[in-house]
Amino acid sequence: MKVTAARATADVAEVLCIPQADLDPELDLRDQGMDSVRVMELVELWRGAGIEKLDYPALAEDQRLSRWLQVLAELQDSADGAGALIG
C-alpha cells in the first residue's frame, strides 16, 4: 500500500489533533506540537503501511512536513521502484 502525501498529511494532522489546513509544511513540526512519542507513532503507522525501512532518525533529522513527504517518497521509491509520492 502506498502512503500518499495526502494520507501522510492527514496522519500528521491527526496525531497533532489539528485540522490539516493548519499544518504549515515548511514550519518545524515541533513548533506545531510534534514530540518524539508522536513521531514514533507515525513511524509505526507508516511501517505498517509498507514503508519498512522508515525509522525515527529519518524523521527526527528535519521535522518539516515537506521534508517528511520527501523521505516517505524516497523510501517508497527505493522499495518498489515506483514514482514519487502522489497527492
PDB file of N, CA and C in Angstrom:
ATOM      1  N   MET A   1       0.841  -1.175   0.000  1.00  0.00           N
ATOM      2  CA  MET A   1       0.000   0.000   0.000  1.00  0.00           C
ATOM      3  C   MET A   1       0.892   1.246   0.000  1.00  0.00           C
ATOM      4  N   LYS A   2       0.556   2.200  -0.828  1.00  0.00           N
ATOM      5  CA  LYS A   2       1.320   3.437  -0.949  1.00  0.00           C
ATOM      6  C   LYS A   2       0.816   4.469   0.069  1.00  0.00           C
ATOM      7  N   VAL A   3       1.738   5.110   0.768  1.00  0.00           N
ATOM      8  CA  VAL A   3       1.383   6.216   1.652  1.00  0.00           C
ATOM      9  C   VAL A   3       1.498   7.479   0.811  1.00  0.00           C
ATOM     10  N   THR A   4       0.362   8.047   0.463  1.00  0.00           N
ATOM     11  CA  THR A   4       0.341   9.247  -0.364  1.00  0.00           C
ATOM     12  C   THR A   4       0.648  10.484   0.489  1.00  0.00           C
ATOM     13  N   ALA A   5       0.951  11.579  -0.184  1.00  0.00           N
ATOM     14  CA  ALA A   5       1.171  12.845   0.522  1.00  0.00           C
ATOM     15  C   ALA A   5      -0.081  13.243   1.290  1.00  0.00           C
ATOM     16  N   ALA A   6      -1.238  13.025   0.676  1.00  0.00           N
ATOM     17  CA  ALA A   6      -2.495  13.378   1.341  1.00  0.00           C
ATOM     18  C   ALA A   6      -2.703  12.530   2.600  1.00  0.00           C
ATOM     19  N   ARG A   7      -2.406  11.238   2.495  1.00  0.00           N
ATOM     20  CA  ARG A   7      -2.564  10.366   3.662  1.00  0.00           C
ATOM     21  C   ARG A   7      -1.574  10.737   4.761  1.00  0.00           C
ATOM     22  N   ALA A   8      -0.323  10.973   4.394  1.00  0.00           N
ATOM     23  CA  ALA A   8       0.690  11.335   5.385  1.00  0.00           C
ATOM     24  C   ALA A   8       0.322  12.640   6.075  1.00  0.00           C
ATOM     25  N   THR A   9      -0.148  13.609   5.309  1.00  0.00           N
ATOM     26  CA  THR A   9      -0.556  14.892   5.887  1.00  0.00           C
ATOM     27  C   THR A   9      -1.720  14.697   6.846  1.00  0.00           C
ATOM     28  N   ALA A  10      -2.683  13.881   6.457  1.00  0.00           N
ATOM     29  CA  ALA A  10      -3.826  13.599   7.327  1.00  0.00           C
ATOM     30  C   ALA A  10      -3.381  12.888   8.607  1.00  0.00           C
ATOM     31  N   ASP A  11      -2.444  11.963   8.481  1.00  0.00           N
ATOM     32  CA  ASP A  11      -1.924  11.248   9.652  1.00  0.00           C
ATOM     33  C   ASP A  11      -1.233  12.201  10.618  1.00  0.00           C
ATOM     34  N   VAL A  12      -0.425  13.109  10.081  1.00  0.00           N
ATOM     35  CA  VAL A  12       0.277  14.084  10.928  1.00  0.00           C
ATOM     36  C   VAL A  12      -0.739  14.983  11.635  1.00  0.00           C
ATOM     37  N   ALA A  13      -1.709  15.479  10.891  1.00  0.00           N
ATOM     38  CA  ALA A  13      -2.732  16.339  11.494  1.00  0.00           C
ATOM     39  C   ALA A  13      -3.483  15.596  12.597  1.00  0.00           C
ATOM     40  N   GLU A  14      -3.762  14.322  12.343  1.00  0.00           N
ATOM     41  CA  GLU A  14      -4.497  13.533  13.334  1.00  0.00           C
ATOM     42  C   GLU A  14      -3.714  13.371  14.627  1.00  0.00           C
ATOM     43  N   VAL A  15      -2.413  13.032  14.538  1.00  0.00           N
ATOM     44  CA  VAL A  15      -1.643  12.853  15.783  1.00  0.00           C
ATOM     45  C   VAL A  15      -1.433  14.172  16.512  1.00  0.00           C
ATOM     46  N   LEU A  16      -1.479  15.278  15.765  1.00  0.00           N
ATOM     47  CA  LEU A  16      -1.343  16.598  16.405  1.00  0.00           C
ATOM     48  C   LEU A  16      -2.691  17.155  16.862  1.00  0.00           C
ATOM     49  N   CYS A  17      -3.771  16.483  16.480  1.00  0.00           N
ATOM     50  CA  CYS A  17      -5.130  16.925  16.834  1.00  0.00           C
ATOM     51  C   CYS A  17      -5.424  18.329  16.319  1.00  0.00           C
ATOM     52  N   ILE A  18      -5.010  18.581  15.072  1.00  0.00           N
ATOM     53  CA  ILE A  18      -5.281  19.869  14.446  1.00  0.00           C
ATOM     54  C   ILE A  18      -5.825  19.628  13.037  1.00  0.00           C
ATOM     55  N   PRO A  19      -6.551  20.609  12.493  1.00  0.00           N
ATOM     56  CA  PRO A  19      -7.023  20.472  11.111  1.00  0.00           C
ATOM     57  C   PRO A  19      -5.844  20.480  10.137  1.00  0.00           C
ATOM     58  N   GLN A  20      -5.976  19.723   9.058  1.00  0.00           N
ATOM     59  CA  GLN A  20      -4.914  19.683   8.052  1.00  0.00           C
ATOM     60  C   GLN A  20      -4.580  21.075   7.532  1.00  0.00           C
ATOM     61  N   ALA A  21      -5.583  21.912   7.405  1.00  0.00           N
ATOM     62  CA  ALA A  21      -5.382  23.264   6.879  1.00  0.00           C
ATOM     63  C   ALA A  21      -4.467  24.097   7.774  1.00  0.00           C
ATOM     64  N   ASP A  22      -4.350  23.719   9.044  1.00  0.00           N
ATOM     65  CA  ASP A  22      -3.496  24.464   9.975  1.00  0.00           C
ATOM     66  C   ASP A  22      -2.032  24.029   9.925  1.00  0.00           C
ATOM     67  N   LEU A  23      -1.741  22.928   9.225  1.00  0.00           N
ATOM     68  CA  LEU A  23      -0.352  22.469   9.113  1.00  0.00           C
ATOM     69  C   LEU A  23       0.414  23.356   8.138  1.00  0.00           C
ATOM     70  N   ASP A  24       1.575  23.810   8.559  1.00  0.00           N
ATOM     71  CA  ASP A  24       2.466  24.562   7.680  1.00  0.00           C
ATOM     72  C   ASP A  24       3.587  23.615   7.281  1.00  0.00           C
ATOM     73  N   PRO A  25       3.660  23.233   6.001  1.00  0.00           N
ATOM     74  CA  PRO A  25       4.650  22.225   5.591  1.00  0.00           C
ATOM     75  C   PRO A  25       6.097  22.679   5.732  1.00  0.00           C
ATOM     76  N   GLU A  26       6.337  23.970   5.870  1.00  0.00           N
ATOM     77  CA  GLU A  26       7.710  24.470   5.998  1.00  0.00           C
ATOM     78  C   GLU A  26       8.091  24.828   7.430  1.00  0.00           C
ATOM     79  N   LEU A  27       7.147  24.771   8.342  1.00  0.00           N
ATOM     80  CA  LEU A  27       7.411  25.071   9.749  1.00  0.00           C
ATOM     81  C   LEU A  27       7.796  23.780  10.466  1.00  0.00           C
ATOM     82  N   ASP A  28       8.768  23.858  11.340  1.00  0.00           N
ATOM     83  CA  ASP A  28       9.178  22.699  12.128  1.00  0.00           C
ATOM     84  C   ASP A  28       7.963  22.157  12.870  1.00  0.00           C
ATOM     85  N   LEU A  29       7.718  20.864  12.715  1.00  0.00           N
ATOM     86  CA  LEU A  29       6.545  20.260  13.345  1.00  0.00           C
ATOM     87  C   LEU A  29       6.587  20.334  14.865  1.00  0.00           C
ATOM     88  N   ARG A  30       7.767  20.456  15.439  1.00  0.00           N
ATOM     89  CA  ARG A  30       7.845  20.624  16.897  1.00  0.00           C
ATOM     90  C   ARG A  30       7.188  21.919  17.325  1.00  0.00           C
ATOM     91  N   ASP A  31       7.220  22.920  16.451  1.00  0.00           N
ATOM     92  CA  ASP A  31       6.557  24.182  16.744  1.00  0.00           C
ATOM     93  C   ASP A  31       5.043  24.096  16.539  1.00  0.00           C
ATOM     94  N   GLN A  32       4.608  22.960  15.996  1.00  0.00           N
ATOM     95  CA  GLN A  32       3.182  22.734  15.769  1.00  0.00           C
ATOM     96  C   GLN A  32       2.624  21.672  16.719  1.00  0.00           C
ATOM     97  N   GLY A  33       3.455  21.235  17.678  1.00  0.00           N
ATOM     98  CA  GLY A  33       3.006  20.303  18.701  1.00  0.00           C
ATOM     99  C   GLY A  33       3.564  18.896  18.617  1.00  0.00           C
ATOM    100  N   MET A  34       4.446  18.643  17.650  1.00  0.00           N
ATOM    101  CA  MET A  34       5.014  17.294  17.498  1.00  0.00           C
ATOM    102  C   MET A  34       6.007  17.023  18.627  1.00  0.00           C
ATOM    103  N   ASP A  35       6.023  15.769  19.086  1.00  0.00           N
ATOM    104  CA  ASP A  35       7.014  15.328  20.062  1.00  0.00           C
ATOM    105  C   ASP A  35       7.496  13.936  19.666  1.00  0.00           C
ATOM    106  N   SER A  36       8.469  13.417  20.377  1.00  0.00           N
ATOM    107  CA  SER A  36       9.087  12.144  19.990  1.00  0.00           C
ATOM    108  C   SER A  36       8.111  10.978  20.043  1.00  0.00           C
ATOM    109  N   VAL A  37       7.183  10.998  20.978  1.00  0.00           N
ATOM    110  CA  VAL A  37       6.208   9.914  21.075  1.00  0.00           C
ATOM    111  C   VAL A  37       5.319   9.901  19.835  1.00  0.00           C
ATOM    112  N   ARG A  38       4.905  11.062  19.395  1.00  0.00           N
ATOM    113  CA  ARG A  38       4.062  11.149  18.197  1.00  0.00           C
ATOM    114  C   ARG A  38       4.845  10.759  16.942  1.00  0.00           C
ATOM    115  N   VAL A  39       6.117  11.132  16.896  1.00  0.00           N
ATOM    116  CA  VAL A  39       6.944  10.730  15.744  1.00  0.00           C
ATOM    117  C   VAL A  39       7.010   9.205  15.678  1.00  0.00           C
ATOM    118  N   MET A  40       7.242   8.565  16.810  1.00  0.00           N
ATOM    119  CA  MET A  40       7.311   7.099  16.829  1.00  0.00           C
ATOM    120  C   MET A  40       5.964   6.479  16.454  1.00  0.00           C
ATOM    121  N   GLU A  41       4.879   7.109  16.861  1.00  0.00           N
ATOM    122  CA  GLU A  41       3.552   6.622  16.486  1.00  0.00           C
ATOM    123  C   GLU A  41       3.395   6.628  14.962  1.00  0.00           C
ATOM    124  N   LEU A  42       3.864   7.713  14.328  1.00  0.00           N
ATOM    125  CA  LEU A  42       3.793   7.817  12.869  1.00  0.00           C
ATOM    126  C   LEU A  42       4.733   6.815  12.195  1.00  0.00           C
ATOM    127  N   VAL A  43       5.933   6.649  12.745  1.00  0.00           N
ATOM    128  CA  VAL A  43       6.875   5.673  12.193  1.00  0.00           C
ATOM    129  C   VAL A  43       6.219   4.293  12.171  1.00  0.00           C
ATOM    130  N   GLU A  44       5.611   3.895  13.261  1.00  0.00           N
ATOM    131  CA  GLU A  44       4.979   2.572  13.336  1.00  0.00           C
ATOM    132  C   GLU A  44       3.780   2.478  12.394  1.00  0.00           C
ATOM    133  N   LEU A  45       3.004   3.540  12.301  1.00  0.00           N
ATOM    134  CA  LEU A  45       1.860   3.556  11.390  1.00  0.00           C
ATOM    135  C   LEU A  45       2.311   3.365   9.951  1.00  0.00           C
ATOM    136  N   TRP A  46       3.330   4.125   9.545  1.00  0.00           N
ATOM    137  CA  TRP A  46       3.796   4.071   8.160  1.00  0.00           C
ATOM    138  C   TRP A  46       4.583   2.798   7.865  1.00  0.00           C
ATOM    139  N   ARG A  47       5.263   2.251   8.854  1.00  0.00           N
ATOM    140  CA  ARG A  47       5.891   0.935   8.662  1.00  0.00           C
ATOM    141  C   ARG A  47       4.816  -0.104   8.395  1.00  0.00           C
ATOM    142  N   GLY A  48       3.745  -0.032   9.159  1.00  0.00           N
ATOM    143  CA  GLY A  48       2.640  -0.956   8.981  1.00  0.00           C
ATOM    144  C   GLY A  48       1.975  -0.829   7.620  1.00  0.00           C
ATOM    145  N   ALA A  49       2.106   0.360   7.018  1.00  0.00           N
ATOM    146  CA  ALA A  49       1.547   0.599   5.688  1.00  0.00           C
ATOM    147  C   ALA A  49       2.516   0.192   4.579  1.00  0.00           C
ATOM    148  N   GLY A  50       3.680  -0.318   4.969  1.00  0.00           N
ATOM    149  CA  GLY A  50       4.595  -0.849   3.971  1.00  0.00           C
ATOM    150  C   GLY A  50       5.933  -0.149   3.819  1.00  0.00           C
ATOM    151  N   ILE A  51       6.167   0.925   4.564  1.00  0.00           N
ATOM    152  CA  ILE A  51       7.464   1.614   4.467  1.00  0.00           C
ATOM    153  C   ILE A  51       8.372   1.038   5.554  1.00  0.00           C
ATOM    154  N   GLU A  52       8.810  -0.188   5.337  1.00  0.00           N
ATOM    155  CA  GLU A  52       9.520  -0.950   6.358  1.00  0.00           C
ATOM    156  C   GLU A  52      10.861  -0.351   6.765  1.00  0.00           C
ATOM    157  N   LYS A  53      11.516   0.382   5.870  1.00  0.00           N
ATOM    158  CA  LYS A  53      12.837   0.939   6.183  1.00  0.00           C
ATOM    159  C   LYS A  53      12.771   2.280   6.917  1.00  0.00           C
ATOM    160  N   LEU A  54      11.567   2.787   7.157  1.00  0.00           N
ATOM    161  CA  LEU A  54      11.416   4.045   7.883  1.00  0.00           C
ATOM    162  C   LEU A  54      11.831   3.863   9.330  1.00  0.00           C
ATOM    163  N   ASP A  55      12.605   4.816   9.855  1.00  0.00           N
ATOM    164  CA  ASP A  55      12.975   4.786  11.264  1.00  0.00           C
ATOM    165  C   ASP A  55      12.909   6.194  11.845  1.00  0.00           C
ATOM    166  N   TYR A  56      13.007   6.259  13.157  1.00  0.00           N
ATOM    167  CA  TYR A  56      12.890   7.529  13.866  1.00  0.00           C
ATOM    168  C   TYR A  56      13.899   8.575  13.376  1.00  0.00           C
ATOM    169  N   PRO A  57      15.183   8.237  13.249  1.00  0.00           N
ATOM    170  CA  PRO A  57      16.147   9.253  12.806  1.00  0.00           C
ATOM    171  C   PRO A  57      15.823   9.872  11.448  1.00  0.00           C
ATOM    172  N   ALA A  58      15.210   9.107  10.567  1.00  0.00           N
ATOM    173  CA  ALA A  58      14.871   9.633   9.241  1.00  0.00           C
ATOM    174  C   ALA A  58      13.893  10.798   9.338  1.00  0.00           C
ATOM    175  N   LEU A  59      13.031  10.752  10.347  1.00  0.00           N
ATOM    176  CA  LEU A  59      12.066  11.845  10.529  1.00  0.00           C
ATOM    177  C   LEU A  59      12.569  12.893  11.517  1.00  0.00           C
ATOM    178  N   ALA A  60      13.346  12.487  12.486  1.00  0.00           N
ATOM    179  CA  ALA A  60      13.786  13.411  13.528  1.00  0.00           C
ATOM    180  C   ALA A  60      14.808  14.424  13.023  1.00  0.00           C
ATOM    181  N   GLU A  61      15.547  14.073  11.995  1.00  0.00           N
ATOM    182  CA  GLU A  61      16.611  14.939  11.488  1.00  0.00           C
ATOM    183  C   GLU A  61      16.091  16.305  11.031  1.00  0.00           C
ATOM    184  N   ASP A  62      15.009  16.318  10.276  1.00  0.00           N
ATOM    185  CA  ASP A  62      14.413  17.553   9.751  1.00  0.00           C
ATOM    186  C   ASP A  62      12.915  17.403   9.913  1.00  0.00           C
ATOM    187  N   GLN A  63      12.364  18.102  10.888  1.00  0.00           N
ATOM    188  CA  GLN A  63      10.972  17.888  11.237  1.00  0.00           C
ATOM    189  C   GLN A  63      10.032  18.901  10.581  1.00  0.00           C
ATOM    190  N   ARG A  64      10.176  19.045   9.275  1.00  0.00           N
ATOM    191  CA  ARG A  64       9.207  19.809   8.481  1.00  0.00           C
ATOM    192  C   ARG A  64       8.388  18.808   7.683  1.00  0.00           C
ATOM    193  N   LEU A  65       7.104  19.040   7.580  1.00  0.00           N
ATOM    194  CA  LEU A  65       6.245  18.132   6.834  1.00  0.00           C
ATOM    195  C   LEU A  65       6.730  17.974   5.400  1.00  0.00           C
ATOM    196  N   SER A  66       7.176  19.061   4.796  1.00  0.00           N
ATOM    197  CA  SER A  66       7.659  18.972   3.407  1.00  0.00           C
ATOM    198  C   SER A  66       8.820  17.984   3.298  1.00  0.00           C
ATOM    199  N   ARG A  67       9.712  17.976   4.260  1.00  0.00           N
ATOM    200  CA  ARG A  67      10.836  17.037   4.244  1.00  0.00           C
ATOM    201  C   ARG A  67      10.362  15.615   4.501  1.00  0.00           C
ATOM    202  N   TRP A  68       9.418  15.450   5.425  1.00  0.00           N
ATOM    203  CA  TRP A  68       8.907  14.119   5.702  1.00  0.00           C
ATOM    204  C   TRP A  68       8.280  13.506   4.459  1.00  0.00           C
ATOM    205  N   LEU A  69       7.567  14.311   3.688  1.00  0.00           N
ATOM    206  CA  LEU A  69       6.951  13.797   2.462  1.00  0.00           C
ATOM    207  C   LEU A  69       8.022  13.340   1.474  1.00  0.00           C
ATOM    208  N   GLN A  70       9.139  14.068   1.425  1.00  0.00           N
ATOM    209  CA  GLN A  70      10.254  13.659   0.566  1.00  0.00           C
ATOM    210  C   GLN A  70      10.845  12.336   1.046  1.00  0.00           C
ATOM    211  N   VAL A  71      11.052  12.212   2.350  1.00  0.00           N
ATOM    212  CA  VAL A  71      11.616  10.984   2.923  1.00  0.00           C
ATOM    213  C   VAL A  71      10.714   9.792   2.618  1.00  0.00           C
ATOM    214  N   LEU A  72       9.422   9.962   2.831  1.00  0.00           N
ATOM    215  CA  LEU A  72       8.484   8.874   2.567  1.00  0.00           C
ATOM    216  C   LEU A  72       8.517   8.478   1.096  1.00  0.00           C
ATOM    217  N   ALA A  73       8.540   9.465   0.211  1.00  0.00           N
ATOM    218  CA  ALA A  73       8.583   9.177  -1.230  1.00  0.00           C
ATOM    219  C   ALA A  73       9.868   8.445  -1.602  1.00  0.00           C
ATOM    220  N   GLU A  74      11.004   8.909  -1.077  1.00  0.00           N
ATOM    221  CA  GLU A  74      12.283   8.281  -1.388  1.00  0.00           C
ATOM    222  C   GLU A  74      12.324   6.829  -0.905  1.00  0.00           C
ATOM    223  N   LEU A  75      11.826   6.585   0.293  1.00  0.00           N
ATOM    224  CA  LEU A  75      11.838   5.224   0.821  1.00  0.00           C
ATOM    225  C   LEU A  75      10.910   4.309   0.032  1.00  0.00           C
ATOM    226  N   GLN A  76       9.770   4.834  -0.376  1.00  0.00           N
ATOM    227  CA  GLN A  76       8.846   4.026  -1.171  1.00  0.00           C
ATOM    228  C   GLN A  76       9.400   3.786  -2.569  1.00  0.00           C
ATOM    229  N   ASP A  77      10.046   4.803  -3.144  1.00  0.00           N
ATOM    230  CA  ASP A  77      10.655   4.643  -4.469  1.00  0.00           C
ATOM    231  C   ASP A  77      11.750   3.589  -4.431  1.00  0.00           C
ATOM    232  N   SER A  78      12.566   3.616  -3.387  1.00  0.00           N
ATOM    233  CA  SER A  78      13.664   2.654  -3.304  1.00  0.00           C
ATOM    234  C   SER A  78      13.145   1.249  -3.044  1.00  0.00           C
ATOM    235  N   ALA A  79      11.985   1.155  -2.415  1.00  0.00           N
ATOM    236  CA  ALA A  79      11.425  -0.163  -2.100  1.00  0.00           C
ATOM    237  C   ALA A  79      10.746  -0.807  -3.299  1.00  0.00           C
ATOM    238  N   ASP A  80      10.122   0.029  -4.150  1.00  0.00           N
ATOM    239  CA  ASP A  80       9.352  -0.582  -5.229  1.00  0.00           C
ATOM    240  C   ASP A  80       9.657  -0.032  -6.618  1.00  0.00           C
ATOM    241  N   GLY A  81      10.555   0.923  -6.707  1.00  0.00           N
ATOM    242  CA  GLY A  81      10.922   1.476  -7.992  1.00  0.00           C
ATOM    243  C   GLY A  81       9.819   2.299  -8.631  1.00  0.00           C
ATOM    244  N   ALA A  82       8.795   2.632  -7.880  1.00  0.00           N
ATOM    245  CA  ALA A  82       7.658   3.390  -8.416  1.00  0.00           C
ATOM    246  C   ALA A  82       7.957   4.887  -8.433  1.00  0.00           C
ATOM    247  N   GLY A  83       6.987   5.652  -8.852  1.00  0.00           N
ATOM    248  CA  GLY A  83       7.119   7.111  -8.938  1.00  0.00           C
ATOM    249  C   GLY A  83       7.068   7.788  -7.603  1.00  0.00           C
ATOM    250  N   ALA A  84       7.088   9.088  -7.616  1.00  0.00           N
ATOM    251  CA  ALA A  84       7.105   9.912  -6.404  1.00  0.00           C
ATOM    252  C   ALA A  84       5.766   9.837  -5.676  1.00  0.00           C
ATOM    253  N   LEU A  85       5.779  10.297  -4.439  1.00  0.00           N
ATOM    254  CA  LEU A  85       4.584  10.388  -3.613  1.00  0.00           C
ATOM    255  C   LEU A  85       3.546  11.219  -4.330  1.00  0.00           C
ATOM    256  N   ILE A  86       2.332  10.734  -4.371  1.00  0.00           N
ATOM    257  CA  ILE A  86       1.283  11.461  -5.076  1.00  0.00           C
ATOM    258  C   ILE A  86       0.285  12.020  -4.087  1.00  0.00           C
ATOM    259  N   GLY A  87      -0.327  13.116  -4.436  1.00  0.00           N
ATOM    260  CA  GLY A  87      -1.300  13.780  -3.563  1.00  0.00           C
ATOM    261  C   GLY A  87      -2.569  13.147  -3.633  1.00  0.00           C
TER     262      GLY A  87
END
